[in-house]
PDB file of N, CA and C in Angstrom:
ATOM      1  N   MET A   1      14.243  69.268  57.232  1.00  0.00           N
ATOM      2  CA  MET A   1      14.954  70.596  57.278  1.00  0.00           C
ATOM      3  C   MET A   1      16.694  70.210  58.235  1.00  0.00           C
ATOM      4  N   ILE A   2      16.716  69.641  58.838  1.00  0.00           N
ATOM      5  CA  ILE A   2      17.242  70.291  59.996  1.00  0.00           C
ATOM      6  C   ILE A   2      18.159  68.941  59.307  1.00  0.00           C
ATOM      7  N   ARG A   3      17.259  67.604  59.708  1.00  0.00           N
ATOM      8  CA  ARG A   3      18.424  65.962  59.639  1.00  0.00           C
ATOM      9  C   ARG A   3      19.366  66.877  58.109  1.00  0.00           C
ATOM     10  N   GLU A   4      18.375  66.963  57.040  1.00  0.00           N
ATOM     11  CA  GLU A   4      19.741  67.119  55.664  1.00  0.00           C
ATOM     12  C   GLU A   4      20.396  68.239  55.817  1.00  0.00           C
ATOM     13  N   ARG A   5      20.266  69.771  56.616  1.00  0.00           N
ATOM     14  CA  ARG A   5      21.650  70.519  56.497  1.00  0.00           C
ATOM     15  C   ARG A   5      22.119  69.795  57.805  1.00  0.00           C
ATOM     16  N   THR A   6      21.453  68.594  58.294  1.00  0.00           N
ATOM     17  CA  THR A   6      23.230  68.047  59.371  1.00  0.00           C
ATOM     18  C   THR A   6      23.904  66.958  58.451  1.00  0.00           C
ATOM     19  N   LYS A   7      22.913  66.256  57.664  1.00  0.00           N
ATOM     20  CA  LYS A   7      23.839  65.090  56.374  1.00  0.00           C
ATOM     21  C   LYS A   7      24.998  65.711  55.741  1.00  0.00           C
ATOM     22  N   SER A   8      24.542  66.671  55.351  1.00  0.00           N
ATOM     23  CA  SER A   8      24.789  67.686  54.161  1.00  0.00           C
ATOM     24  C   SER A   8      26.609  67.949  54.748  1.00  0.00           C
ATOM     25  N   GLY A   9      26.421  68.954  56.716  1.00  0.00           N
ATOM     26  CA  GLY A   9      27.435  68.291  57.656  1.00  0.00           C
ATOM     27  C   GLY A   9      28.313  67.973  58.016  1.00  0.00           C
ATOM     28  N   MET A  10      27.995  67.158  58.116  1.00  0.00           N
ATOM     29  CA  MET A  10      28.330  66.022  58.586  1.00  0.00           C
ATOM     30  C   MET A  10      29.690  64.736  57.090  1.00  0.00           C
ATOM     31  N   GLN A  11      28.925  64.856  55.786  1.00  0.00           N
ATOM     32  CA  GLN A  11      29.541  64.285  54.957  1.00  0.00           C
ATOM     33  C   GLN A  11      30.800  65.748  54.244  1.00  0.00           C
ATOM     34  N   ALA A  12      31.153  67.102  54.248  1.00  0.00           N
ATOM     35  CA  ALA A  12      31.450  67.489  54.357  1.00  0.00           C
ATOM     36  C   ALA A  12      32.443  68.133  54.889  1.00  0.00           C
ATOM     37  N   ALA A  13      31.858  67.292  56.416  1.00  0.00           N
ATOM     38  CA  ALA A  13      33.020  67.479  57.375  1.00  0.00           C
ATOM     39  C   ALA A  13      34.412  66.211  57.026  1.00  0.00           C
ATOM     40  N   LYS A  14      33.094  64.816  56.295  1.00  0.00           N
ATOM     41  CA  LYS A  14      34.412  63.297  55.654  1.00  0.00           C
ATOM     42  C   LYS A  14      35.159  64.961  54.860  1.00  0.00           C
ATOM     43  N   LYS A  15      34.463  64.764  54.285  1.00  0.00           N
ATOM     44  CA  LYS A  15      36.093  65.324  53.127  1.00  0.00           C
ATOM     45  C   LYS A  15      36.856  66.020  53.463  1.00  0.00           C
ATOM     46  N   ARG A  16      36.502  67.069  54.412  1.00  0.00           N
ATOM     47  CA  ARG A  16      38.101  67.165  55.447  1.00  0.00           C
ATOM     48  C   ARG A  16      38.938  66.242  55.435  1.00  0.00           C
ATOM     49  N   GLY A  17      38.454  65.673  55.859  1.00  0.00           N
ATOM     50  CA  GLY A  17      39.316  64.419  56.734  1.00  0.00           C
ATOM     51  C   GLY A  17      39.659  64.416  58.164  1.00  0.00           C
ATOM     52  N   ILE A  18      37.660  64.880  58.330  1.00  0.00           N
ATOM     53  CA  ILE A  18      38.154  64.985  60.341  1.00  0.00           C
ATOM     54  C   ILE A  18      37.160  64.107  60.415  1.00  0.00           C
ATOM     55  N   ARG A  19      37.880  63.303  61.685  1.00  0.00           N
ATOM     56  CA  ARG A  19      37.117  61.957  62.412  1.00  0.00           C
ATOM     57  C   ARG A  19      35.530  62.018  63.329  1.00  0.00           C
ATOM     58  N   LEU A  20      34.084  61.989  62.750  1.00  0.00           N
ATOM     59  CA  LEU A  20      33.481  61.814  63.691  1.00  0.00           C
ATOM     60  C   LEU A  20      33.079  61.127  64.437  1.00  0.00           C
ATOM     61  N   GLY A  21      32.442  61.190  65.382  1.00  0.00           N
ATOM     62  CA  GLY A  21      32.291  61.242  66.849  1.00  0.00           C
ATOM     63  C   GLY A  21      33.616  60.628  68.038  1.00  0.00           C
ATOM     64  N   ARG A  22      33.305  60.232  68.858  1.00  0.00           N
ATOM     65  CA  ARG A  22      33.826  60.495  70.398  1.00  0.00           C
ATOM     66  C   ARG A  22      35.013  59.570  70.789  1.00  0.00           C
ATOM     67  N   PRO A  23      36.000  61.018  70.953  1.00  0.00           N
ATOM     68  CA  PRO A  23      37.625  60.064  70.767  1.00  0.00           C
ATOM     69  C   PRO A  23      37.765  59.249  71.797  1.00  0.00           C
ATOM     70  N   ARG A  24      38.617  58.420  71.204  1.00  0.00           N
ATOM     71  CA  ARG A  24      38.981  56.855  72.211  1.00  0.00           C
ATOM     72  C   ARG A  24      39.930  57.958  73.291  1.00  0.00           C
ATOM     73  N   SER A  25      39.562  56.344  74.616  1.00  0.00           N
ATOM     74  CA  SER A  25      39.976  57.464  76.134  1.00  0.00           C
ATOM     75  C   SER A  25      41.240  57.341  75.774  1.00  0.00           C
ATOM     76  N   LEU A  26      42.539  55.722  75.080  1.00  0.00           N
ATOM     77  CA  LEU A  26      43.836  56.272  74.643  1.00  0.00           C
ATOM     78  C   LEU A  26      44.232  56.063  73.700  1.00  0.00           C
ATOM     79  N   GLU A  27      44.829  56.838  73.575  1.00  0.00           N
ATOM     80  CA  GLU A  27      46.881  57.404  72.523  1.00  0.00           C
ATOM     81  C   GLU A  27      47.030  55.850  72.369  1.00  0.00           C
ATOM     82  N   PRO A  28      47.143  55.967  70.696  1.00  0.00           N
ATOM     83  CA  PRO A  28      47.644  54.938  70.285  1.00  0.00           C
ATOM     84  C   PRO A  28      47.922  53.860  70.590  1.00  0.00           C
ATOM     85  N   HIS A  29      49.517  54.490  70.528  1.00  0.00           N
ATOM     86  CA  HIS A  29      50.331  54.433  71.219  1.00  0.00           C
ATOM     87  C   HIS A  29      49.971  53.433  72.938  1.00  0.00           C
ATOM     88  N   ASP A  30      49.703  53.915  73.968  1.00  0.00           N
ATOM     89  CA  ASP A  30      49.204  54.543  75.308  1.00  0.00           C
ATOM     90  C   ASP A  30      48.383  52.440  75.057  1.00  0.00           C
ATOM     91  N   GLU A  31      47.799  52.576  74.312  1.00  0.00           N
ATOM     92  CA  GLU A  31      47.032  51.324  73.005  1.00  0.00           C
ATOM     93  C   GLU A  31      47.823  49.900  73.271  1.00  0.00           C
ATOM     94  N   ARG A  32      49.031  50.607  72.187  1.00  0.00           N
ATOM     95  CA  ARG A  32      49.693  49.588  71.747  1.00  0.00           C
ATOM     96  C   ARG A  32      49.753  48.810  73.260  1.00  0.00           C
ATOM     97  N   GLN A  33      50.932  49.897  74.183  1.00  0.00           N
ATOM     98  CA  GLN A  33      51.552  49.594  75.574  1.00  0.00           C
ATOM     99  C   GLN A  33      50.623  48.035  76.210  1.00  0.00           C
ATOM    100  N   ALA A  34      48.999  49.167  75.956  1.00  0.00           N
ATOM    101  CA  ALA A  34      48.305  48.256  77.634  1.00  0.00           C
ATOM    102  C   ALA A  34      47.992  46.734  76.766  1.00  0.00           C
ATOM    103  N   VAL A  35      47.914  46.344  74.940  1.00  0.00           N
ATOM    104  CA  VAL A  35      48.569  45.626  74.407  1.00  0.00           C
ATOM    105  C   VAL A  35      49.144  43.888  74.738  1.00  0.00           C
ATOM    106  N   ALA A  36      50.326  44.623  74.404  1.00  0.00           N
ATOM    107  CA  ALA A  36      51.768  44.379  74.450  1.00  0.00           C
ATOM    108  C   ALA A  36      51.460  43.698  76.615  1.00  0.00           C
ATOM    109  N   GLN A  37      51.488  44.931  77.048  1.00  0.00           N
ATOM    110  CA  GLN A  37      51.628  44.296  78.719  1.00  0.00           C
ATOM    111  C   GLN A  37      50.407  43.805  79.085  1.00  0.00           C
ATOM    112  N   TRP A  38      49.232  42.998  78.205  1.00  0.00           N
ATOM    113  CA  TRP A  38      47.492  42.178  78.258  1.00  0.00           C
ATOM    114  C   TRP A  38      48.941  40.788  77.718  1.00  0.00           C
ATOM    115  N   ARG A  39      49.405  41.013  76.283  1.00  0.00           N
ATOM    116  CA  ARG A  39      49.998  39.552  76.048  1.00  0.00           C
ATOM    117  C   ARG A  39      50.863  39.299  76.734  1.00  0.00           C
ATOM    118  N   THR A  40      52.413  39.441  77.982  1.00  0.00           N
ATOM    119  CA  THR A  40      53.190  38.331  78.243  1.00  0.00           C
ATOM    120  C   THR A  40      51.954  38.323  79.507  1.00  0.00           C
ATOM    121  N   GLY A  41      50.908  38.734  79.448  1.00  0.00           N
ATOM    122  CA  GLY A  41      49.957  37.490  81.320  1.00  0.00           C
ATOM    123  C   GLY A  41      50.864  37.935  82.126  1.00  0.00           C
ATOM    124  N   ARG A  42      51.298  39.445  82.527  1.00  0.00           N
ATOM    125  CA  ARG A  42      52.084  38.543  84.076  1.00  0.00           C
ATOM    126  C   ARG A  42      50.870  40.401  84.290  1.00  0.00           C
ATOM    127  N   TYR A  43      49.703  40.923  83.434  1.00  0.00           N
ATOM    128  CA  TYR A  43      48.564  41.613  83.696  1.00  0.00           C
ATOM    129  C   TYR A  43      47.808  41.254  83.506  1.00  0.00           C
ATOM    130  N   THR A  44      46.291  41.722  84.254  1.00  0.00           N
ATOM    131  CA  THR A  44      44.643  41.679  83.950  1.00  0.00           C
ATOM    132  C   THR A  44      44.407  42.158  83.415  1.00  0.00           C
ATOM    133  N   LEU A  45      43.556  42.108  82.727  1.00  0.00           N
ATOM    134  CA  LEU A  45      42.771  43.347  82.054  1.00  0.00           C
ATOM    135  C   LEU A  45      41.726  44.488  83.286  1.00  0.00           C
ATOM    136  N   THR A  46      41.752  44.005  84.111  1.00  0.00           N
ATOM    137  CA  THR A  46      41.514  44.947  85.140  1.00  0.00           C
ATOM    138  C   THR A  46      42.187  46.384  86.014  1.00  0.00           C
ATOM    139  N   ALA A  47      43.383  45.098  86.576  1.00  0.00           N
ATOM    140  CA  ALA A  47      45.249  46.210  86.782  1.00  0.00           C
ATOM    141  C   ALA A  47      45.774  47.340  84.869  1.00  0.00           C
ATOM    142  N   LEU A  48      44.893  46.748  84.164  1.00  0.00           N
ATOM    143  CA  LEU A  48      45.233  47.549  82.888  1.00  0.00           C
ATOM    144  C   LEU A  48      44.322  48.671  83.293  1.00  0.00           C
ATOM    145  N   ALA A  49      43.528  48.614  83.174  1.00  0.00           N
ATOM    146  CA  ALA A  49      42.448  49.427  83.282  1.00  0.00           C
ATOM    147  C   ALA A  49      42.389  50.571  83.632  1.00  0.00           C
ATOM    148  N   HIS A  50      43.536  50.483  84.954  1.00  0.00           N
ATOM    149  CA  HIS A  50      43.726  51.561  86.360  1.00  0.00           C
ATOM    150  C   HIS A  50      44.439  52.057  86.407  1.00  0.00           C
ATOM    151  N   GLN A  51      45.958  51.777  85.528  1.00  0.00           N
ATOM    152  CA  GLN A  51      46.715  51.287  85.158  1.00  0.00           C
ATOM    153  C   GLN A  51      46.821  52.508  84.996  1.00  0.00           C
ATOM    154  N   TYR A  52      46.060  52.434  83.426  1.00  0.00           N
ATOM    155  CA  TYR A  52      45.236  53.346  82.994  1.00  0.00           C
ATOM    156  C   TYR A  52      44.838  54.654  82.277  1.00  0.00           C
ATOM    157  N   GLY A  53      44.051  54.843  83.041  1.00  0.00           N
ATOM    158  CA  GLY A  53      42.717  54.767  84.188  1.00  0.00           C
ATOM    159  C   GLY A  53      41.009  55.329  83.436  1.00  0.00           C
ATOM    160  N   VAL A  54      41.321  53.855  82.346  1.00  0.00           N
ATOM    161  CA  VAL A  54      40.621  53.935  82.464  1.00  0.00           C
ATOM    162  C   VAL A  54      39.119  52.703  81.588  1.00  0.00           C
ATOM    163  N   HIS A  55      37.994  52.820  81.135  1.00  0.00           N
ATOM    164  CA  HIS A  55      36.871  51.648  81.868  1.00  0.00           C
ATOM    165  C   HIS A  55      37.924  50.434  80.843  1.00  0.00           C
ATOM    166  N   LEU A  56      37.561  49.514  82.170  1.00  0.00           N
ATOM    167  CA  LEU A  56      37.623  48.416  81.651  1.00  0.00           C
ATOM    168  C   LEU A  56      37.475  47.617  80.189  1.00  0.00           C
ATOM    169  N   SER A  57      36.295  48.415  79.722  1.00  0.00           N
ATOM    170  CA  SER A  57      35.887  48.079  77.701  1.00  0.00           C
ATOM    171  C   SER A  57      36.852  48.934  77.401  1.00  0.00           C
ATOM    172  N   SER A  58      36.927  49.678  77.477  1.00  0.00           N
ATOM    173  CA  SER A  58      38.173  50.873  76.321  1.00  0.00           C
ATOM    174  C   SER A  58      39.035  49.680  76.319  1.00  0.00           C
ATOM    175  N   ILE A  59      40.033  48.561  77.364  1.00  0.00           N
ATOM    176  CA  ILE A  59      41.043  47.967  77.312  1.00  0.00           C
ATOM    177  C   ILE A  59      40.668  46.515  76.536  1.00  0.00           C
ATOM    178  N   LYS A  60      38.648  46.334  76.694  1.00  0.00           N
ATOM    179  CA  LYS A  60      38.686  44.648  76.084  1.00  0.00           C
ATOM    180  C   LYS A  60      38.298  44.776  75.047  1.00  0.00           C
ATOM    181  N   ARG A  61      38.266  46.735  74.192  1.00  0.00           N
ATOM    182  CA  ARG A  61      38.392  47.225  73.091  1.00  0.00           C
ATOM    183  C   ARG A  61      39.864  46.977  71.976  1.00  0.00           C
ATOM    184  N   ALA A  62      40.487  47.124  72.852  1.00  0.00           N
ATOM    185  CA  ALA A  62      41.641  47.765  72.373  1.00  0.00           C
ATOM    186  C   ALA A  62      42.141  46.431  71.688  1.00  0.00           C
ATOM    187  N   VAL A  63      41.993  45.377  73.038  1.00  0.00           N
ATOM    188  CA  VAL A  63      42.930  43.834  73.171  1.00  0.00           C
ATOM    189  C   VAL A  63      41.370  43.849  72.184  1.00  0.00           C
ATOM    190  N   TYR A  64      40.180  43.497  71.772  1.00  0.00           N
ATOM    191  CA  TYR A  64      40.579  43.502  70.701  1.00  0.00           C
ATOM    192  C   TYR A  64      40.092  43.487  69.242  1.00  0.00           C
ATOM    193  N   ARG A  65      40.526  44.872  69.345  1.00  0.00           N
ATOM    194  CA  ARG A  65      41.042  45.149  67.786  1.00  0.00           C
ATOM    195  C   ARG A  65      42.737  44.765  67.031  1.00  0.00           C
ATOM    196  N   ALA A  66      43.501  44.902  68.140  1.00  0.00           N
ATOM    197  CA  ALA A  66      44.989  44.240  67.606  1.00  0.00           C
ATOM    198  C   ALA A  66      44.387  42.690  67.502  1.00  0.00           C
ATOM    199  N   ASP A  67      43.798  41.919  68.534  1.00  0.00           N
ATOM    200  CA  ASP A  67      43.616  40.601  67.684  1.00  0.00           C
ATOM    201  C   ASP A  67      42.906  40.198  66.239  1.00  0.00           C
ATOM    202  N   GLN A  68      42.231  41.208  66.012  1.00  0.00           N
ATOM    203  CA  GLN A  68      41.410  41.689  64.367  1.00  0.00           C
ATOM    204  C   GLN A  68      42.395  41.970  63.362  1.00  0.00           C
ATOM    205  N   SER A  69      43.692  42.988  63.753  1.00  0.00           N
ATOM    206  CA  SER A  69      44.389  44.150  63.676  1.00  0.00           C
ATOM    207  C   SER A  69      44.943  42.454  62.625  1.00  0.00           C
ATOM    208  N   ALA A  70      45.625  41.722  63.844  1.00  0.00           N
ATOM    209  CA  ALA A  70      46.792  40.588  63.809  1.00  0.00           C
ATOM    210  C   ALA A  70      46.096  39.403  62.517  1.00  0.00           C
ATOM    211  N   GLN A  71      45.814  39.130  62.403  1.00  0.00           N
ATOM    212  CA  GLN A  71      44.651  38.154  61.914  1.00  0.00           C
ATOM    213  C   GLN A  71      43.944  38.494  60.629  1.00  0.00           C
ATOM    214  N   PRO A  72      44.695  37.331  59.173  1.00  0.00           N
ATOM    215  CA  PRO A  72      44.348  37.501  57.952  1.00  0.00           C
ATOM    216  C   PRO A  72      43.457  37.804  57.484  1.00  0.00           C
ATOM    217  N   ARG A  73      43.799  38.627  56.441  1.00  0.00           N
ATOM    218  CA  ARG A  73      42.063  38.523  55.902  1.00  0.00           C
ATOM    219  C   ARG A  73      42.085  37.268  54.873  1.00  0.00           C
ATOM    220  N   LEU A  74      41.233  36.401  55.852  1.00  0.00           N
ATOM    221  CA  LEU A  74      40.298  35.057  54.982  1.00  0.00           C
ATOM    222  C   LEU A  74      39.177  35.118  54.405  1.00  0.00           C
ATOM    223  N   LEU A  75      38.459  35.731  53.881  1.00  0.00           N
ATOM    224  CA  LEU A  75      37.752  36.100  52.708  1.00  0.00           C
ATOM    225  C   LEU A  75      37.732  37.577  52.211  1.00  0.00           C
ATOM    226  N   ASN A  76      37.179  37.141  50.849  1.00  0.00           N
ATOM    227  CA  ASN A  76      37.719  38.483  50.746  1.00  0.00           C
ATOM    228  C   ASN A  76      37.012  40.079  50.738  1.00  0.00           C
ATOM    229  N   ASP A  77      35.969  40.550  51.020  1.00  0.00           N
ATOM    230  CA  ASP A  77      34.875  41.627  51.258  1.00  0.00           C
ATOM    231  C   ASP A  77      34.340  42.142  49.898  1.00  0.00           C
TER     232      ASP A  77
END
């Protein structure tokens, strides 16, 4: 019963446009800026993590997401 109500509540939230899950530690603007700094080659991932006050993994994920969005889709999904 609890599981059913939870599922229906999550579906209703999605329909309302509410994003589920934990919020990202970096704002989109900061994420773009960190990736741009990383691509200059002057900053290490660790230095960027310290600069933005986030964990190293957050910076790595931001760079990975930027690389994935920059590459063209080769296969149709």
